[in-house]
Amino acid sequence: MKYRYIAIEGNIGAGKTTLSKQLSKRWDARLVLEQFEDNPFLPAFYTNPEKYAFPLEMSFLAERFQQLSREVQQTELFAERILADYAPYKSLIFAGRTLDHAEYGVYKRMHQLLYTNLPNPDLVIYIHQPIERLLLNIEKRGRAYETTIDRKYLEEIEKGYFDFFRARQDLITLVVTPQSDNYAFDGNFHRFVDELLEWNWSPGRHVVEVD
C-alpha cells in the first residue's frame, strides 16, 4: 500500500470530515475523526478568544495526542489504511494564530515533547476553498459558537497552513481546490482522489488541478 496513513486537511468549513467519512467507506479505511465537539473551551473561545485561547489549544494538544497515539500507532501494527480528518501539525497552525508570543513558545515546546515519536501522514490532501465558500458552509451547518468566525480569522488560518507547507518541504502535501460545492459526495471527485494515490509524489507542496 503506497500511502497507508492519509490526512485530509483544510480550513474551517472546508468539508474535511464529510469527505473523510465518504473516502473511508470507499477505501475500507480506519477513520480517525477529531473529537472537537466535546471540548468545553471551544464555545468560550469564540466568545472571549484572549481569555480562552491558551486552555483551548492546550486541551486540543492533549486530546489529539491521545487520539493519534491510540489510533495511528496501534494501527501501524496492521495492514489497514488510516484516514484522519486532521494532521498532527494542525495544533501548531491554529495555536500560531490564537496565542501570543510567550504562550506559543510554551505551546510549541509541549508539542515537540509530545509529538516527537508520532508518525506524520504519508500523504496530506489539503482541501482549499475560497473564503466566501467557507463562510457559507459555516453558516449552513449552524453551529452556534461559530457565528463569530469572520473573514479575517479564516484568512489567518489559511496563511498559517501555507506558511507551514512552505517551511515543511519534507512532507507530501497535495493542495486541491474542488470545483463542486457538493464535492464530498461527488463520485467523480472520489475517483480523482483515487488517481492521486497512484502517483509517486515527491516531498513538498503540490498544487493539483481538478479535472
Protein backbone atom coordinates (compact mmCIF):
# COMPACT_ATOMS: atom_id res chain seq x y z
CA MET A 1 0.00 0.00 0.00
CA LYS A 2 1.64 3.22 -1.22
CA TYR A 3 0.07 5.72 1.20
CA ARG A 4 -1.22 3.96 4.27
CA TYR A 5 -1.68 6.93 6.59
CA ILE A 6 -3.55 9.78 4.89
CA ALA A 7 -4.85 13.02 6.40
CA ILE A 8 -7.47 15.33 4.92
CA GLU A 9 -6.74 18.91 5.94
CA GLY A 10 -8.23 22.32 5.26
CA ASN A 11 -9.61 25.48 6.77
CA ILE A 12 -12.71 25.66 8.98
CA GLY A 13 -15.74 24.74 6.89
CA ALA A 14 -13.77 23.17 4.02
CA GLY A 15 -15.60 19.84 4.30
CA LYS A 16 -12.77 17.73 5.71
CA THR A 17 -14.86 15.50 7.92
CA THR A 18 -17.59 14.86 5.35
CA LEU A 19 -15.04 13.92 2.69
CA SER A 20 -13.10 11.74 5.13
CA LYS A 21 -16.24 9.79 6.00
CA GLN A 22 -17.01 9.16 2.33
CA LEU A 23 -13.47 8.14 1.41
CA SER A 24 -13.08 5.88 4.43
CA LYS A 25 -16.07 3.85 3.26
CA ARG A 26 -14.75 3.81 -0.29
CA TRP A 27 -11.30 2.62 0.79
CA ASP A 28 -12.42 0.49 3.73
CA ALA A 29 -10.03 2.55 5.86
CA ARG A 30 -9.93 3.10 9.59
CA LEU A 31 -11.46 6.54 10.15
CA VAL A 32 -9.94 8.90 12.72
CA LEU A 33 -12.13 11.96 13.36
CA GLU A 34 -11.20 14.90 15.52
CA GLN A 35 -13.29 14.97 18.71
CA PHE A 36 -13.79 18.72 18.99
CA GLU A 37 -17.47 18.96 19.92
CA ASP A 38 -16.89 17.78 23.50
CA ASN A 39 -14.22 20.41 24.19
CA PRO A 40 -15.69 22.72 26.86
CA PHE A 41 -13.36 25.58 25.92
CA LEU A 42 -14.41 25.85 22.27
CA PRO A 43 -17.66 27.85 22.66
CA ALA A 44 -15.98 30.04 25.29
CA PHE A 45 -13.03 30.72 22.96
CA TYR A 46 -15.22 32.18 20.23
CA THR A 47 -16.85 34.44 22.84
CA ASN A 48 -13.61 35.55 24.51
CA PRO A 49 -10.53 34.48 22.47
CA GLU A 50 -7.94 36.27 24.59
CA LYS A 51 -9.06 34.56 27.80
CA TYR A 52 -9.65 31.06 26.47
CA ALA A 53 -7.14 30.63 23.62
CA PHE A 54 -4.40 29.02 25.74
CA PRO A 55 -6.58 26.49 27.63
CA LEU A 56 -8.37 25.66 24.37
CA GLU A 57 -5.17 24.99 22.45
CA MET A 58 -3.60 23.02 25.31
CA SER A 59 -6.68 20.84 25.63
CA PHE A 60 -6.70 20.20 21.88
CA LEU A 61 -2.99 19.39 22.03
CA ALA A 62 -3.59 16.71 24.67
CA GLU A 63 -6.75 15.30 23.07
CA ARG A 64 -5.20 15.00 19.60
CA PHE A 65 -2.07 13.41 21.02
CA GLN A 66 -4.07 10.81 22.94
CA GLN A 67 -6.23 10.01 19.93
CA LEU A 68 -3.38 9.74 17.43
CA SER A 69 -1.28 7.70 19.85
CA ARG A 70 -4.15 5.26 20.24
CA GLU A 71 -5.44 5.11 16.68
CA VAL A 72 -2.38 5.61 14.50
CA GLN A 73 0.38 3.91 16.46
CA GLN A 74 -1.72 0.83 17.20
CA THR A 75 -2.98 0.56 13.63
CA GLU A 76 0.60 0.61 12.36
CA LEU A 77 0.84 -2.98 13.56
CA PHE A 78 -1.72 -3.97 10.93
CA ALA A 79 -2.04 -3.50 7.19
CA GLU A 80 -5.17 -1.38 7.09
CA ARG A 81 -5.23 2.17 5.75
CA ILE A 82 -5.75 5.03 8.19
CA LEU A 83 -7.69 8.12 7.14
CA ALA A 84 -7.82 11.11 9.50
CA ASP A 85 -9.64 14.42 9.14
CA TYR A 86 -6.68 16.31 10.61
CA ALA A 87 -2.88 16.12 10.64
CA PRO A 88 -0.71 16.14 13.78
CA TYR A 89 0.60 19.62 12.96
CA LYS A 90 -2.88 21.20 12.95
CA SER A 91 -2.39 22.20 16.58
CA LEU A 92 0.66 24.31 15.70
CA ILE A 93 -1.13 26.15 12.92
CA PHE A 94 -4.13 27.19 14.97
CA ALA A 95 -2.09 27.98 18.08
CA GLY A 96 0.19 30.16 15.98
CA ARG A 97 -2.80 32.33 15.15
CA THR A 98 -4.52 32.40 18.55
CA LEU A 99 -1.71 32.59 21.15
CA ASP A 100 0.63 35.43 21.98
CA HIS A 101 4.39 35.05 21.55
CA ALA A 102 5.14 33.80 25.06
CA GLU A 103 2.21 31.38 25.13
CA TYR A 104 3.13 29.99 21.73
CA GLY A 105 6.71 29.40 22.86
CA VAL A 106 5.48 27.21 25.74
CA TYR A 107 2.94 25.53 23.49
CA LYS A 108 5.48 24.71 20.79
CA ARG A 109 7.83 23.08 23.32
CA MET A 110 4.98 20.94 24.64
CA HIS A 111 4.06 19.95 21.09
CA GLN A 112 7.64 18.90 20.37
CA LEU A 113 7.83 16.82 23.54
CA LEU A 114 4.54 15.02 22.94
CA TYR A 115 4.56 14.57 19.19
CA THR A 116 8.21 13.66 18.53
CA ASN A 117 7.51 9.94 18.26
CA LEU A 118 4.17 10.19 16.46
CA PRO A 119 4.35 9.40 12.74
CA ASN A 120 3.42 12.06 10.21
CA PRO A 121 0.91 11.13 7.50
CA ASP A 122 2.35 9.53 4.37
CA LEU A 123 0.21 11.96 2.40
CA VAL A 124 -1.84 15.06 3.26
CA ILE A 125 -4.63 16.24 0.97
CA TYR A 126 -5.39 19.88 1.72
CA ILE A 127 -8.85 20.95 0.56
CA HIS A 128 -8.57 24.58 -0.48
CA GLN A 129 -11.80 26.55 -0.58
CA PRO A 130 -12.42 30.26 -1.27
CA ILE A 131 -13.13 32.24 1.90
CA GLU A 132 -16.63 33.07 0.65
CA ARG A 133 -17.48 29.39 0.38
CA LEU A 134 -16.05 28.65 3.81
CA LEU A 135 -18.24 31.35 5.35
CA LEU A 136 -21.28 29.97 3.56
CA ASN A 137 -20.52 26.41 4.71
CA ILE A 138 -20.07 27.58 8.30
CA GLU A 139 -23.39 29.40 8.16
CA LYS A 140 -25.15 26.37 6.66
CA ARG A 141 -24.04 23.93 9.36
CA GLY A 142 -25.37 26.27 12.01
CA ARG A 143 -23.07 25.72 14.99
CA ALA A 144 -23.96 28.49 17.42
CA TYR A 145 -20.41 29.01 18.67
CA GLU A 146 -19.11 29.54 15.11
CA THR A 147 -21.23 32.62 14.39
CA THR A 148 -18.36 34.94 15.35
CA ILE A 149 -15.93 33.43 12.81
CA ASP A 150 -15.12 36.11 10.26
CA ARG A 151 -13.15 36.51 7.05
CA LYS A 152 -10.04 37.82 8.81
CA TYR A 153 -9.76 34.77 11.07
CA LEU A 154 -10.18 32.35 8.16
CA GLU A 155 -7.57 34.26 6.15
CA GLU A 156 -5.14 33.99 9.07
CA ILE A 157 -5.71 30.24 9.37
CA GLU A 158 -5.24 29.80 5.62
CA LYS A 159 -1.98 31.75 5.77
CA GLY A 160 -0.87 29.59 8.69
CA TYR A 161 -1.34 26.43 6.65
CA PHE A 162 0.51 27.73 3.60
CA ASP A 163 3.36 29.11 5.69
CA PHE A 164 3.67 25.68 7.27
CA PHE A 165 3.67 23.92 3.89
CA ARG A 166 6.48 26.18 2.67
CA ALA A 167 8.51 25.50 5.80
CA ARG A 168 8.00 21.73 5.86
CA GLN A 169 9.15 20.56 2.47
CA ASP A 170 9.84 17.12 3.94
CA LEU A 171 6.10 16.31 3.99
CA ILE A 172 3.98 15.36 0.99
CA THR A 173 1.08 17.78 0.66
CA LEU A 174 -1.41 17.94 -2.21
CA VAL A 175 -3.40 21.19 -2.44
CA VAL A 176 -6.71 20.51 -4.17
CA THR A 177 -9.47 23.03 -4.95
CA PRO A 178 -12.77 21.23 -5.62
CA GLN A 179 -14.92 22.60 -8.44
CA SER A 180 -18.24 21.46 -6.98
CA ASP A 181 -19.95 22.71 -3.82
CA ASN A 182 -21.03 19.12 -3.18
CA TYR A 183 -17.63 17.61 -3.91
CA ALA A 184 -17.57 15.39 -0.80
CA PHE A 185 -20.37 13.26 -2.27
CA ASP A 186 -19.22 13.52 -5.90
CA GLY A 187 -18.16 10.18 -7.35
CA ASN A 188 -16.03 11.90 -9.98
CA PHE A 189 -14.11 13.71 -7.27
CA HIS A 190 -13.67 10.46 -5.35
CA ARG A 191 -12.21 8.83 -8.45
CA PHE A 192 -9.93 11.84 -8.91
CA VAL A 193 -8.59 11.32 -5.38
CA ASP A 194 -8.16 7.61 -6.11
CA GLU A 195 -5.93 8.55 -9.04
CA LEU A 196 -3.83 10.83 -6.83
CA LEU A 197 -2.89 7.83 -4.71
CA GLU A 198 -1.43 6.07 -7.75
CA TRP A 199 1.30 8.70 -8.17
CA ASN A 200 4.72 8.59 -6.56
CA TRP A 201 4.71 12.09 -5.10
CA SER A 202 7.95 13.71 -4.02
CA PRO A 203 8.12 15.55 -0.69
CA GLY A 204 6.87 19.13 -0.75
CA ARG A 205 3.72 21.02 -1.64
CA HIS A 206 1.96 20.16 -4.92
CA VAL A 207 -0.95 22.18 -6.30
CA VAL A 208 -3.12 19.67 -8.16
CA GLU A 209 -5.69 20.76 -10.73
CA VAL A 210 -9.06 19.02 -10.54
CA ASP A 211 -10.18 17.67 -13.92
